[in-house]
Each structure stands twice: as C-alpha cells, then as structure tokens.
Amino acid sequence: MLRRIESPIGAQLVVDGRTLLNFGGTSYLGLGAEPSMLEAGAQALRSQGATGTIPRHYGFATPANLDAEAAALEYFGVEAAIYFATGYLFGLVGMAGLASRFDVAILDESTHYNLRDGALAAGKPVQTFRHVDADDLARVLEREISAGNRPLVATDGMFPTFGTVPPLAEYARLLAPHAGWMLVDESHAFGVLGAGGRGAVEHHGVAGPLVVAGGSLGKAFGAYGGIAVGSTEAICDLWKSPASRGAASGMSSGAAMAAASMRFLRQHPERLATLRANARRLKTGLRQLGLAIVDSDGPVATFVHGTAATMQALQADLMVMGIYVIYSTYVGAGPEGAIRCAAFADHEPSDIDRLVEAISRLL
C-alpha cells in the first residue's frame, strides 16, 4: 500500500493527513521548503518552460542549466561541471564518457546500481573488490595492471544504507603510480562531508585531474537532477557520452533550484554545522542503547537488531508512536535488512531525544 506524502520532506512529514516526526529519506540539510529555492524553480518554469528540448550537442542550453553549472563551479571550486536530468545518470555519463581512458572498471562490491549499470554501458570488463577494503583493491589492481589494463575505480562517496565512507585517500595512493581514474558517486556525500560540504573527495583531499565526482542533487541539496564535477578535460569527455547526448537536459525548475541551493549553502554554513551536531546526538544516543552504528561524519545512523520480522515490527511500532524510520532492504543492507535513521538539519534536539527514547522502550 502506498502512502500519500502531503508536505515537503523534512523533519516533519505529513502523510495521509497525519504529521510524523521523520527520520526517513535523505533531506539532510532540511531544504525541502526553502523559499529561495522554491521561488527560483517557479521563476524558471514561468520563463523557460518545463524542460529544454534541443540537445546540448546542437549548440543550445537553457539559462537554468548553465546557471546550475556556474553555481557548481563556485561551490565545488572545480574547472568544469555538467548538469543532467537525474543523479542516476551519473554512472552512465561518467563511465561511458571516460571509456576511452580505461580498460577495466573496478567497483566496490556494494556500490550503487547506477555505477554498475554505467560500467556495463562502458563496454569494459568489470571487477569488484571487497566493500571499503583498500587491501583487496590493491590485490585487484596489481592483477589488472600486471595484465596491462588501465584501471578506473568506482565507489560511492558515502554508502546510502549504513553511511560508510570509503578510504578514498588510500584508493588515490594506490592509483597514483598507474595514472588510474577514480569515479565517486557523491549522491549521499554532497553537502554533507568535507569542510565545505563538497563531498567525500573534499573530506579525503583527493581532488585531481583523474578524479570525477558526481551524483544526485536530490539528497542534501534538496533540488532535482544530477551534477558531475572535475577537470575541463574529463567533463568534456562526459559531454560526449550517449547519455549526455541522448537524454533530455533536465527540468528548468530543477536546475534553477540546484543553483539556488548551492548558493544558499555557501551563504549559510550553519546548516551543515547544525546537521553535524544533530548527527552526533543521534549516533551517540543509539550507541548508548547498545546498537552498532557506523563511525563516520555523515548523518546516517543504521542498525541491525534481530530478524527482518523484528525490525519490521519495530518500524511499525514507531509509526504508531508518530515516528517514521526506514526498514531498508536497499543495496548493502544485508539479508535481514536494517533500520535506517537519518538526522536532518531541521531536527530539533528534542526530536532526536524522542526517537532514541522511543527505540529504547521498544528494544
């Protein structure tokens, strides 16, 4: 049965006429109802229509798309950016765009579906390494490089289910002697990790000409569409990918909201500071209940407790109490699934305490 969401997604969520305290989803910076973003989207719709219909490679682009890319250059401090219709295209745009520059794609075994699909679209052999295991990556790299293959390593910047952050600095160290590429899906790390919220690449200090970061703008940024950032040479290659040439350029409102979001966050760094304080409070509270929570700077606090049935019952009981968390069977969740909670910047400390106290009563 599908429930009807009747409000912007944030700390408070109206579902079928009922207000819930929400710890589900990915509204990390609480921007779902930010007035400046909504107005930017509305203005773009009125002036430019819903979407551009002439592909970019014919020499046309909407002002909203160009502005989203300009805002990304400012926010991320990079040479070039490409805005596209949805974050899921990142794998297809990135892998196929860079296909002439690598011979084998090496993926974290738990990486997101879009990177797996992108590796297949690139038409290159695909190898995997154990989840966030730099030693196993080193073994795979040694084997492939010995065979004369140029590597591209692809991973999430923050994995969506448990919030695990991979050791990108170690990956970069392993790739450096071989001029290997690194493709990082920052969908859950953009706006969240790094001193300026620029993602896991910033968090680990691994930006460079052979690193391309990208992903969804619908998580922390609260907008719509996807973005990829990197060197001018790399982004030029991404523009030539079949997905870039063949997909619609995205909604004007989504691009305008993306630009407004990035500029809002540059002006309001306190949003990220509040998010991090809330995440620490949430993780500390759950750990005090004896629950194992991944140690990272991200806002995701996920735990496994008992069986799938036990966790489904816990989720249902919390819903009765007016609190929504996710029982997740998403990529990386494991055979029994997991309870996924996420802190948002618009949570009050009392909201987090209410969740922790409710879980303590139900365990």
Protein backbone atom coordinates (compact mmCIF):
# COMPACT_ATOMS: atom_id res chain seq x y z
CA MET A 1 0.00 0.00 0.00
CA LEU A 2 1.36 3.40 -0.97
CA ARG A 3 1.00 6.26 1.49
CA ARG A 4 0.45 9.79 0.23
CA ILE A 5 3.07 12.41 1.20
CA GLU A 6 1.30 15.75 1.55
CA SER A 7 4.14 18.07 2.59
CA PRO A 8 7.74 18.88 1.70
CA ILE A 9 10.09 16.22 3.04
CA GLY A 10 11.90 17.27 6.19
CA ALA A 11 11.91 16.72 9.93
CA GLN A 12 8.12 16.97 9.93
CA LEU A 13 6.27 14.94 7.30
CA VAL A 14 2.54 14.92 6.62
CA VAL A 15 1.41 11.51 5.40
CA ASP A 16 -2.25 10.79 4.67
CA GLY A 17 -3.21 13.79 6.78
CA ARG A 18 -1.08 12.77 9.74
CA THR A 19 2.07 14.62 10.86
CA LEU A 20 5.02 12.34 11.56
CA LEU A 21 8.41 13.01 13.08
CA ASN A 22 10.56 11.96 10.14
CA PHE A 23 13.95 10.25 10.19
CA GLY A 24 13.46 8.53 6.82
CA GLY A 25 14.81 9.58 3.45
CA THR A 26 17.60 11.99 2.68
CA SER A 27 16.55 15.59 3.39
CA TYR A 28 19.87 16.03 5.16
CA LEU A 29 20.12 19.83 5.10
CA GLY A 30 16.39 20.42 5.54
CA LEU A 31 15.97 22.38 2.30
CA GLY A 32 12.72 20.82 1.07
CA ALA A 33 10.73 24.00 1.69
CA GLU A 34 13.44 26.67 1.45
CA PRO A 35 11.62 29.72 0.00
CA SER A 36 14.51 30.99 -2.13
CA MET A 37 14.79 27.61 -3.85
CA LEU A 38 11.07 27.28 -4.48
CA GLU A 39 10.92 30.78 -5.95
CA ALA A 40 13.92 30.10 -8.19
CA GLY A 41 12.22 26.97 -9.51
CA ALA A 42 8.92 28.77 -10.09
CA GLN A 43 10.62 31.62 -11.96
CA ALA A 44 12.47 29.17 -14.22
CA LEU A 45 9.24 27.35 -15.06
CA ARG A 46 7.50 30.60 -15.94
CA SER A 47 10.32 31.93 -18.11
CA GLN A 48 11.80 28.75 -19.66
CA GLY A 49 9.09 26.10 -19.51
CA ALA A 50 9.46 22.67 -18.01
CA THR A 51 12.44 21.31 -19.93
CA GLY A 52 14.84 22.06 -22.74
CA THR A 53 14.00 20.06 -25.87
CA ILE A 54 17.04 20.82 -28.06
CA PRO A 55 20.02 18.62 -27.06
CA ARG A 56 23.17 20.40 -25.87
CA HIS A 57 25.34 18.99 -28.63
CA TYR A 58 23.37 21.05 -31.17
CA GLY A 59 24.68 24.18 -29.50
CA PHE A 60 21.76 25.18 -27.26
CA ALA A 61 21.27 25.25 -23.49
CA THR A 62 18.76 26.75 -21.09
CA PRO A 63 19.82 29.58 -18.76
CA ALA A 64 18.82 27.43 -15.79
CA ASN A 65 21.16 24.60 -16.78
CA LEU A 66 24.03 26.99 -17.40
CA ASP A 67 23.38 28.65 -14.05
CA ALA A 68 23.40 25.29 -12.24
CA GLU A 69 26.80 24.54 -13.75
CA ALA A 70 28.10 28.00 -12.89
CA ALA A 71 26.91 27.58 -9.29
CA ALA A 72 28.67 24.20 -9.15
CA LEU A 73 31.95 25.78 -10.25
CA GLU A 74 31.61 28.28 -7.38
CA TYR A 75 30.53 25.73 -4.80
CA PHE A 76 32.96 22.94 -5.60
CA GLY A 77 35.88 25.08 -6.78
CA VAL A 78 36.42 22.96 -9.91
CA GLU A 79 37.27 23.65 -13.55
CA ALA A 80 34.09 22.24 -15.09
CA ALA A 81 30.67 20.81 -14.35
CA ILE A 82 27.85 19.07 -16.19
CA TYR A 83 24.21 19.19 -15.08
CA PHE A 84 21.91 16.33 -16.14
CA ALA A 85 18.34 15.24 -15.58
CA THR A 86 18.74 12.79 -12.71
CA GLY A 87 21.51 11.58 -10.43
CA TYR A 88 21.13 8.01 -11.68
CA LEU A 89 22.65 9.10 -14.98
CA PHE A 90 25.99 9.75 -13.27
CA GLY A 91 27.22 6.19 -13.77
CA LEU A 92 26.19 6.14 -17.43
CA VAL A 93 27.58 9.61 -18.14
CA GLY A 94 30.79 9.03 -16.22
CA MET A 95 31.73 5.52 -17.25
CA ALA A 96 30.79 5.80 -20.92
CA GLY A 97 32.31 9.29 -21.16
CA LEU A 98 35.66 8.10 -19.85
CA ALA A 99 35.58 4.73 -21.66
CA SER A 100 38.50 5.59 -23.95
CA ARG A 101 40.68 6.31 -20.90
CA PHE A 102 40.47 2.97 -19.06
CA ASP A 103 40.47 -0.74 -19.82
CA VAL A 104 38.87 -2.22 -16.70
CA ALA A 105 36.31 -0.89 -14.22
CA ILE A 106 36.97 -1.91 -10.62
CA LEU A 107 33.95 -1.46 -8.36
CA ASP A 108 33.31 -1.75 -4.64
CA GLU A 109 31.11 -4.83 -4.34
CA SER A 110 28.38 -2.78 -2.60
CA THR A 111 28.47 0.22 -4.90
CA HIS A 112 25.28 1.81 -6.16
CA TYR A 113 23.29 0.38 -9.05
CA ASN A 114 24.00 3.39 -11.29
CA LEU A 115 27.74 2.71 -11.22
CA ARG A 116 27.17 -0.95 -12.02
CA ASP A 117 24.94 -0.03 -14.96
CA GLY A 118 27.48 2.59 -16.06
CA ALA A 119 30.30 0.05 -16.07
CA LEU A 120 28.26 -2.25 -18.30
CA ALA A 121 27.38 0.65 -20.61
CA ALA A 122 31.08 1.46 -20.99
CA GLY A 123 31.59 -1.98 -22.52
CA LYS A 124 34.69 -2.73 -20.47
CA PRO A 125 35.48 -5.71 -18.19
CA VAL A 126 34.23 -5.25 -14.64
CA GLN A 127 35.99 -6.45 -11.49
CA THR A 128 34.96 -5.96 -7.87
CA PHE A 129 36.79 -5.59 -4.57
CA ARG A 130 35.55 -6.19 -1.04
CA HIS A 131 33.49 -3.42 0.49
CA VAL A 132 35.68 -0.43 1.55
CA ASP A 133 38.73 -2.74 1.64
CA ALA A 134 41.81 -0.95 0.32
CA ASP A 135 43.96 -4.06 0.73
CA ASP A 136 41.66 -6.08 -1.51
CA LEU A 137 41.59 -3.23 -4.00
CA ALA A 138 45.39 -3.32 -4.05
CA ARG A 139 45.30 -7.02 -4.93
CA VAL A 140 42.82 -6.48 -7.76
CA LEU A 141 44.81 -3.53 -9.09
CA GLU A 142 48.04 -5.49 -9.07
CA ARG A 143 46.44 -8.28 -11.07
CA GLU A 144 44.86 -5.96 -13.64
CA ILE A 145 47.87 -3.69 -14.04
CA SER A 146 50.11 -6.74 -14.50
CA ALA A 147 47.82 -7.70 -17.37
CA GLY A 148 48.41 -4.28 -18.96
CA ASN A 149 45.00 -2.80 -18.14
CA ARG A 150 44.41 0.88 -17.32
CA PRO A 151 42.14 0.98 -14.25
CA LEU A 152 39.15 3.07 -13.23
CA VAL A 153 37.98 2.62 -9.64
CA ALA A 154 34.33 3.45 -8.93
CA THR A 155 32.77 3.77 -5.49
CA ASP A 156 30.13 5.62 -3.52
CA GLY A 157 31.47 8.57 -1.52
CA MET A 158 29.10 7.67 1.30
CA PHE A 159 27.19 4.42 1.04
CA PRO A 160 23.47 5.07 1.36
CA THR A 161 22.32 2.35 3.73
CA PHE A 162 24.87 2.42 6.57
CA GLY A 163 26.57 5.73 5.78
CA THR A 164 30.00 4.12 5.48
CA VAL A 165 32.68 6.37 3.98
CA PRO A 166 35.39 4.58 1.94
CA PRO A 167 39.12 5.31 2.39
CA LEU A 168 39.45 7.38 -0.77
CA ALA A 169 42.91 8.65 0.16
CA GLU A 170 44.16 5.06 0.20
CA TYR A 171 42.50 4.39 -3.16
CA ALA A 172 44.14 7.50 -4.62
CA ARG A 173 47.54 6.40 -3.30
CA LEU A 174 47.13 3.01 -4.96
CA LEU A 175 46.04 4.53 -8.27
CA ALA A 176 48.62 7.31 -8.48
CA PRO A 177 51.58 5.26 -9.84
CA HIS A 178 49.37 3.93 -12.64
CA ALA A 179 47.54 7.12 -13.70
CA GLY A 180 44.29 5.40 -12.76
CA TRP A 181 40.94 7.18 -12.71
CA MET A 182 38.57 7.40 -9.75
CA LEU A 183 34.83 7.93 -10.17
CA VAL A 184 32.98 8.80 -6.95
CA ASP A 185 29.20 8.77 -6.62
CA GLU A 186 28.71 11.56 -4.09
CA SER A 187 24.89 11.43 -4.05
CA HIS A 188 24.78 10.97 -0.26
CA ALA A 189 28.03 12.83 0.45
CA PHE A 190 27.47 16.08 -1.45
CA GLY A 191 26.52 18.81 1.02
CA VAL A 192 27.36 16.53 3.95
CA LEU A 193 31.04 15.51 4.00
CA GLY A 194 34.11 17.71 3.83
CA ALA A 195 34.86 21.03 5.48
CA GLY A 196 32.66 22.87 3.00
CA GLY A 197 30.19 20.08 2.32
CA ARG A 198 31.78 19.26 -1.04
CA GLY A 199 31.69 15.52 -0.52
CA ALA A 200 33.98 12.61 0.24
CA VAL A 201 36.52 13.85 -2.30
CA GLU A 202 36.96 17.00 -0.21
CA HIS A 203 36.75 15.04 3.04
CA HIS A 204 39.73 12.91 1.99
CA GLY A 205 41.56 15.59 -0.02
CA VAL A 206 41.77 13.55 -3.21
CA ALA A 207 40.62 16.02 -5.87
CA GLY A 208 42.72 16.00 -9.04
CA PRO A 209 42.57 15.73 -12.83
CA LEU A 210 41.89 11.98 -12.70
CA VAL A 211 39.04 12.25 -10.17
CA VAL A 212 35.42 12.81 -11.23
CA ALA A 213 32.76 13.29 -8.57
CA GLY A 214 29.03 13.46 -9.14
CA GLY A 215 25.59 12.24 -8.35
CA SER A 216 22.16 13.31 -7.21
CA LEU A 217 21.15 16.82 -6.16
CA GLY A 218 18.01 15.43 -4.51
CA LYS A 219 19.60 14.43 -1.21
CA ALA A 220 21.30 17.13 0.87
CA PHE A 221 20.76 19.85 -1.75
CA GLY A 222 17.01 19.31 -1.81
CA ALA A 223 16.84 20.02 -5.55
CA TYR A 224 16.36 17.87 -8.63
CA GLY A 225 18.76 16.47 -11.21
CA GLY A 226 22.37 15.42 -11.11
CA ILE A 227 25.78 17.01 -11.39
CA ALA A 228 29.30 15.87 -12.20
CA VAL A 229 32.39 17.96 -11.50
CA GLY A 230 36.05 17.65 -12.38
CA SER A 231 38.72 18.83 -14.77
CA THR A 232 37.80 20.52 -18.06
CA GLU A 233 39.25 17.58 -19.98
CA ALA A 234 37.22 14.99 -18.06
CA ILE A 235 33.93 16.89 -18.22
CA CYS A 236 34.39 17.42 -21.96
CA ASP A 237 34.55 13.64 -22.27
CA LEU A 238 31.38 13.26 -20.21
CA TRP A 239 29.51 15.58 -22.58
CA LYS A 240 30.24 13.09 -25.39
CA SER A 241 28.67 10.10 -23.63
CA PRO A 242 25.48 8.59 -25.12
CA ALA A 243 23.51 9.51 -22.00
CA SER A 244 24.59 13.15 -22.25
CA ARG A 245 23.72 13.30 -25.93
CA GLY A 246 20.55 11.23 -25.79
CA ALA A 247 18.75 12.24 -22.58
CA ALA A 248 16.67 15.37 -22.01
CA SER A 249 18.66 18.14 -20.38
CA GLY A 250 16.51 18.12 -17.25
CA MET A 251 13.79 20.32 -15.81
CA SER A 252 14.46 24.06 -15.80
CA SER A 253 12.98 24.26 -12.30
CA GLY A 254 15.28 21.51 -11.03
CA ALA A 255 18.37 23.21 -12.43
CA ALA A 256 17.32 26.59 -11.03
CA MET A 257 16.68 25.10 -7.61
CA ALA A 258 20.05 23.35 -7.72
CA ALA A 259 21.81 26.66 -8.38
CA ALA A 260 19.81 28.38 -5.62
CA SER A 261 20.60 25.57 -3.18
CA MET A 262 24.35 25.70 -3.73
CA ARG A 263 24.38 29.47 -3.33
CA PHE A 264 22.19 29.29 -0.22
CA LEU A 265 24.56 26.81 1.40
CA ARG A 266 27.61 28.94 0.65
CA GLN A 267 25.85 31.79 2.46
CA HIS A 268 24.59 29.62 5.34
CA PRO A 269 27.36 27.29 6.54
CA GLU A 270 25.49 26.97 9.83
CA ARG A 271 23.16 24.48 8.12
CA LEU A 272 25.98 21.96 7.84
CA ALA A 273 27.14 22.68 11.40
CA THR A 274 23.62 22.03 12.71
CA LEU A 275 23.34 18.83 10.71
CA ARG A 276 26.60 17.54 12.15
CA ALA A 277 25.55 18.36 15.71
CA ASN A 278 22.26 16.53 15.15
CA ALA A 279 24.05 13.54 13.63
CA ARG A 280 26.40 13.29 16.61
CA ARG A 281 23.47 13.46 19.02
CA LEU A 282 21.57 10.76 17.14
CA LYS A 283 24.52 8.38 16.88
CA THR A 284 25.54 8.87 20.49
CA GLY A 285 22.01 8.17 21.67
CA LEU A 286 21.68 4.98 19.64
CA ARG A 287 25.09 3.72 20.70
CA GLN A 288 24.11 4.22 24.32
CA LEU A 289 21.33 1.71 23.66
CA GLY A 290 23.98 -0.83 22.67
CA LEU A 291 23.36 -0.51 18.93
CA ALA A 292 26.26 -0.73 16.47
CA ILE A 293 26.38 2.46 14.39
CA VAL A 294 28.98 3.16 11.69
CA ASP A 295 31.54 5.73 12.79
CA SER A 296 31.53 8.45 10.13
CA ASP A 297 30.86 12.17 9.75
CA GLY A 298 27.67 11.51 7.80
CA PRO A 299 24.08 11.84 9.07
CA VAL A 300 23.06 8.21 8.56
CA ALA A 301 22.63 6.02 11.67
CA THR A 302 21.63 2.50 10.66
CA PHE A 303 21.48 -0.63 12.79
CA VAL A 304 20.55 -4.30 12.59
CA HIS A 305 18.56 -5.72 15.50
CA GLY A 306 17.27 -9.26 15.39
CA THR A 307 15.49 -10.61 12.36
CA ALA A 308 13.72 -8.96 9.48
CA ALA A 309 10.42 -9.55 11.26
CA THR A 310 11.77 -7.96 14.46
CA MET A 311 12.87 -4.83 12.62
CA GLN A 312 9.66 -4.58 10.62
CA ALA A 313 7.74 -4.72 13.89
CA LEU A 314 9.99 -2.02 15.37
CA GLN A 315 9.32 0.24 12.39
CA ALA A 316 5.57 -0.36 12.66
CA ASP A 317 5.55 0.37 16.41
CA LEU A 318 7.45 3.62 15.87
CA MET A 319 4.92 4.60 13.21
CA VAL A 320 2.10 4.11 15.72
CA MET A 321 4.02 6.48 18.00
CA GLY A 322 4.18 9.07 15.21
CA ILE A 323 7.82 8.47 14.23
CA TYR A 324 8.96 7.32 10.81
CA VAL A 325 12.18 5.41 10.19
CA ILE A 326 13.00 3.15 7.26
CA TYR A 327 13.18 -0.61 7.34
CA SER A 328 15.65 -0.90 4.47
CA THR A 329 16.47 -3.72 2.09
CA TYR A 330 18.38 -1.35 -0.19
CA VAL A 331 21.83 -2.02 -1.63
CA GLY A 332 24.23 -3.08 1.13
CA ALA A 333 21.53 -3.77 3.73
CA GLY A 334 22.28 -7.48 4.13
CA PRO A 335 19.92 -10.48 4.15
CA GLU A 336 17.78 -9.36 7.12
CA GLY A 337 17.62 -5.70 6.15
CA ALA A 338 18.27 -2.86 8.59
CA ILE A 339 16.65 0.05 10.38
CA ARG A 340 17.89 3.26 8.76
CA CYS A 341 17.62 6.58 10.59
CA ALA A 342 18.93 9.88 9.25
CA ALA A 343 19.48 13.18 11.02
CA PHE A 344 18.40 16.37 9.26
CA ALA A 345 19.44 19.96 9.86
CA ASP A 346 15.85 20.91 10.69
CA HIS A 347 15.54 18.37 13.52
CA GLU A 348 15.41 19.86 16.98
CA PRO A 349 17.48 18.15 19.71
CA SER A 350 14.20 17.17 21.36
CA ASP A 351 13.16 15.35 18.15
CA ILE A 352 16.26 13.19 18.32
CA ASP A 353 15.80 12.51 22.01
CA ARG A 354 12.20 11.46 21.31
CA LEU A 355 13.35 8.91 18.72
CA VAL A 356 16.08 7.46 20.92
CA GLU A 357 13.73 7.20 23.92
CA ALA A 358 11.06 5.51 21.77
CA ILE A 359 13.54 2.95 20.41
CA SER A 360 14.82 2.24 23.95
CA ARG A 361 11.29 1.36 25.01
CA LEU A 362 10.78 -0.97 22.06
CA LEU A 363 14.05 -2.91 22.01
